[in-house]
N, C-alpha and C. Protein backbone atom coordinates (compact mmCIF):
# COMPACT_ATOMS: atom_id res chain seq x y z
N UNK A 1 5.55 63.89 143.56
CA UNK A 1 6.16 62.86 144.14
C UNK A 1 7.57 63.11 144.17
N UNK A 2 8.33 62.01 144.83
CA UNK A 2 9.71 62.45 145.02
C UNK A 2 10.53 61.99 143.92
N UNK A 3 11.51 62.90 143.45
CA UNK A 3 12.30 62.99 142.42
C UNK A 3 13.75 62.49 142.93
N UNK A 4 14.31 61.41 142.67
CA UNK A 4 15.44 60.95 143.05
C UNK A 4 16.54 61.61 142.19
N UNK A 5 16.26 61.97 140.96
CA UNK A 5 17.43 63.04 140.50
C UNK A 5 17.64 64.28 141.28
N UNK A 6 16.74 65.06 141.83
CA UNK A 6 17.05 66.11 142.78
C UNK A 6 17.80 65.52 144.04
N UNK A 7 17.71 64.38 144.42
CA UNK A 7 18.47 63.92 145.67
C UNK A 7 19.79 63.53 145.18
N UNK A 8 19.82 62.91 144.10
CA UNK A 8 21.15 62.59 143.60
C UNK A 8 22.06 63.82 143.42
N UNK A 9 21.45 64.98 142.90
CA UNK A 9 22.05 66.23 142.47
C UNK A 9 22.88 66.89 143.83
N UNK A 10 22.20 66.62 144.87
CA UNK A 10 22.59 67.35 146.33
C UNK A 10 23.44 66.27 147.05
N UNK A 11 23.62 65.04 146.66
CA UNK A 11 24.12 63.84 147.56
C UNK A 11 25.76 64.44 147.69
N UNK A 12 26.43 64.99 146.86
CA UNK A 12 27.84 65.20 147.34
C UNK A 12 27.89 66.31 148.29
N UNK A 13 26.84 67.05 148.42
CA UNK A 13 26.83 68.01 149.74
C UNK A 13 26.21 67.42 150.68
N UNK A 14 25.29 66.70 150.70
CA UNK A 14 24.81 65.98 151.82
C UNK A 14 25.88 65.13 152.80
N UNK A 15 26.61 64.17 152.04
CA UNK A 15 27.23 63.24 152.58
C UNK A 15 28.31 63.92 153.71
N UNK A 16 29.15 64.80 153.25
CA UNK A 16 30.13 65.47 154.26
C UNK A 16 29.26 66.05 155.32
N UNK A 17 28.11 66.64 155.38
CA UNK A 17 27.67 67.31 156.16
C UNK A 17 26.91 66.24 157.34
N UNK A 18 26.52 65.15 156.75
CA UNK A 18 25.94 63.96 157.70
C UNK A 18 26.91 63.31 158.37
N UNK A 19 28.27 63.22 157.63
CA UNK A 19 29.51 62.44 158.28
C UNK A 19 30.09 63.39 159.26
N UNK A 20 29.94 64.83 159.18
CA UNK A 20 30.43 65.84 160.27
C UNK A 20 29.44 65.64 161.46
N UNK A 21 28.18 65.60 161.13
CA UNK A 21 27.37 65.51 162.02
C UNK A 21 27.29 64.45 163.09
N UNK A 22 27.36 63.33 162.36
CA UNK A 22 27.79 62.00 163.04
C UNK A 22 28.94 62.15 163.98
N UNK A 23 29.91 62.43 163.40
CA UNK A 23 31.25 62.57 164.09
C UNK A 23 31.15 63.54 165.41
N UNK A 24 30.57 64.57 165.08
CA UNK A 24 30.31 65.56 166.25
C UNK A 24 29.60 64.89 167.32
N UNK A 25 28.48 64.13 167.12
CA UNK A 25 27.53 63.55 167.84
C UNK A 25 28.44 62.40 168.86
N UNK A 26 29.21 61.74 168.00
CA UNK A 26 29.73 60.78 168.86
C UNK A 26 30.81 61.11 169.78
N UNK A 27 31.82 62.09 169.19
CA UNK A 27 32.84 62.81 170.00
C UNK A 27 32.18 63.39 171.24
N UNK A 28 30.99 64.10 171.05
CA UNK A 28 30.34 64.87 172.20
C UNK A 28 29.78 63.85 173.17
N UNK A 29 29.09 62.83 172.73
CA UNK A 29 28.58 61.96 173.74
C UNK A 29 29.69 61.11 174.32
N UNK A 30 30.82 60.86 173.68
CA UNK A 30 32.07 60.20 174.46
C UNK A 30 32.32 61.14 175.42
N UNK A 31 32.88 62.31 175.26
CA UNK A 31 33.16 63.36 176.22
C UNK A 31 32.41 63.36 177.44
N UNK A 32 31.01 63.54 176.99
CA UNK A 32 29.95 63.86 178.03
C UNK A 32 29.94 62.70 179.05
N UNK A 33 30.10 61.22 178.61
CA UNK A 33 30.19 60.07 179.40
C UNK A 33 31.24 60.29 180.28
N UNK A 34 32.63 60.38 179.77
CA UNK A 34 33.86 60.55 180.38
C UNK A 34 33.95 61.61 181.41
N UNK A 35 33.34 62.73 181.13
CA UNK A 35 33.68 63.84 181.79
C UNK A 35 32.78 63.71 183.45
N UNK A 36 33.29 64.13 184.46
CA UNK A 36 32.68 64.26 185.71
C UNK A 36 31.66 65.36 185.77
N UNK A 37 30.72 65.36 186.68
CA UNK A 37 29.63 66.20 186.39
C UNK A 37 30.06 67.49 187.31
N UNK A 38 31.30 67.51 187.82
CA UNK A 38 31.77 68.92 188.46
C UNK A 38 32.39 69.65 187.26
N UNK A 39 32.66 69.14 186.16
CA UNK A 39 33.27 69.67 185.15
C UNK A 39 32.16 70.38 184.01
N UNK A 40 31.10 70.32 184.44
CA UNK A 40 30.16 70.43 183.43
C UNK A 40 29.21 71.75 183.92
N UNK A 41 28.83 72.54 183.01
CA UNK A 41 27.88 73.56 183.40
C UNK A 41 26.55 72.99 183.24
N UNK A 42 25.81 72.58 184.01
CA UNK A 42 24.35 72.00 184.16
C UNK A 42 24.47 70.50 184.29
N UNK A 43 23.56 69.77 184.21
CA UNK A 43 23.30 68.37 184.33
C UNK A 43 23.59 67.64 183.11
N UNK A 44 24.19 66.21 183.32
CA UNK A 44 24.53 65.42 182.08
C UNK A 44 23.36 65.29 181.42
N UNK A 45 22.35 64.95 182.13
CA UNK A 45 20.87 64.80 181.45
C UNK A 45 20.39 65.91 180.44
N UNK A 46 20.67 67.29 180.76
CA UNK A 46 20.29 68.21 180.01
C UNK A 46 21.31 68.28 178.89
N UNK A 47 22.57 68.07 179.02
CA UNK A 47 23.50 67.89 177.85
C UNK A 47 23.32 66.74 176.97
N UNK A 48 22.94 65.65 177.52
CA UNK A 48 22.52 64.93 176.65
C UNK A 48 21.43 64.90 175.65
N UNK A 49 20.57 65.57 176.03
CA UNK A 49 19.37 66.02 175.33
C UNK A 49 19.60 66.97 174.18
N UNK A 50 20.46 68.12 174.63
CA UNK A 50 20.83 69.09 173.79
C UNK A 50 21.69 68.39 172.61
N UNK A 51 22.66 67.67 173.04
CA UNK A 51 23.65 66.96 172.01
C UNK A 51 22.91 65.98 170.88
N UNK A 52 21.90 65.31 171.59
CA UNK A 52 21.18 64.44 170.71
C UNK A 52 19.97 65.07 169.86
N UNK A 53 19.44 66.12 170.21
CA UNK A 53 18.20 66.41 169.72
C UNK A 53 18.39 67.80 168.87
N UNK A 54 19.61 68.43 168.97
CA UNK A 54 19.78 69.79 168.48
C UNK A 54 20.60 69.62 167.33
N UNK A 55 20.90 68.23 166.82
CA UNK A 55 21.51 67.89 165.59
C UNK A 55 23.17 68.66 165.71
N UNK A 56 23.66 69.38 164.58
CA UNK A 56 24.87 69.80 164.38
C UNK A 56 25.20 70.91 165.42
N UNK A 57 24.28 71.57 165.68
CA UNK A 57 24.45 72.91 166.71
C UNK A 57 24.47 72.25 168.07
N UNK A 58 23.97 71.29 168.40
CA UNK A 58 23.96 70.78 170.05
C UNK A 58 25.31 70.23 170.34
N UNK A 59 26.10 69.49 169.48
CA UNK A 59 27.55 69.20 170.06
C UNK A 59 28.32 70.51 169.94
N UNK A 60 28.00 71.63 169.15
CA UNK A 60 29.09 72.56 169.17
C UNK A 60 28.65 73.34 170.47
N UNK A 61 27.52 73.60 170.88
CA UNK A 61 27.03 74.43 172.07
C UNK A 61 27.63 73.70 173.18
N UNK A 62 27.70 72.31 172.97
CA UNK A 62 28.32 71.52 174.22
C UNK A 62 29.62 71.91 174.38
N UNK A 63 30.47 71.79 173.47
CA UNK A 63 31.84 72.11 173.54
C UNK A 63 32.26 73.51 173.86
N UNK A 64 31.34 74.46 173.53
CA UNK A 64 31.61 75.89 173.68
C UNK A 64 31.32 76.32 175.08
N UNK A 65 29.98 75.87 175.45
CA UNK A 65 29.42 76.28 176.64
C UNK A 65 29.42 75.23 177.72
N UNK A 66 29.04 73.94 177.41
CA UNK A 66 28.93 72.93 178.55
C UNK A 66 30.00 72.62 179.29
N UNK A 67 31.22 72.59 178.93
CA UNK A 67 32.43 72.24 179.70
C UNK A 67 32.81 73.57 180.45
N UNK A 68 33.26 73.32 181.66
CA UNK A 68 34.00 74.52 182.23
C UNK A 68 35.40 74.65 181.94
N UNK A 69 35.86 75.80 181.90
CA UNK A 69 37.33 76.08 181.56
C UNK A 69 38.21 75.52 182.80
N UNK A 70 39.08 74.75 182.35
CA UNK A 70 40.15 74.12 183.25
C UNK A 70 41.30 74.77 183.47
C-alpha cells in the first residue's frame, strides 16, 4: 500500500520542484500569449502543447528555442 511516511520524507525536496514547475509554466504561458506569432519559431498552438505537456522541460525549451532572437 501507499506509505505516507515515505512521502513526508521527500516532501521538502518535492515542494520547491513543484513551485519552480508552476512558476515556469505560468511565466511561459503569459509570454506565449503576449508574444506576436512573428516572434516565434513555430505556431503558438505547438508551443502551447509543448509548454503544458512536457512539464519542467517544456517551458525551458520554449524560452531557449521558441522565441526568435531580437
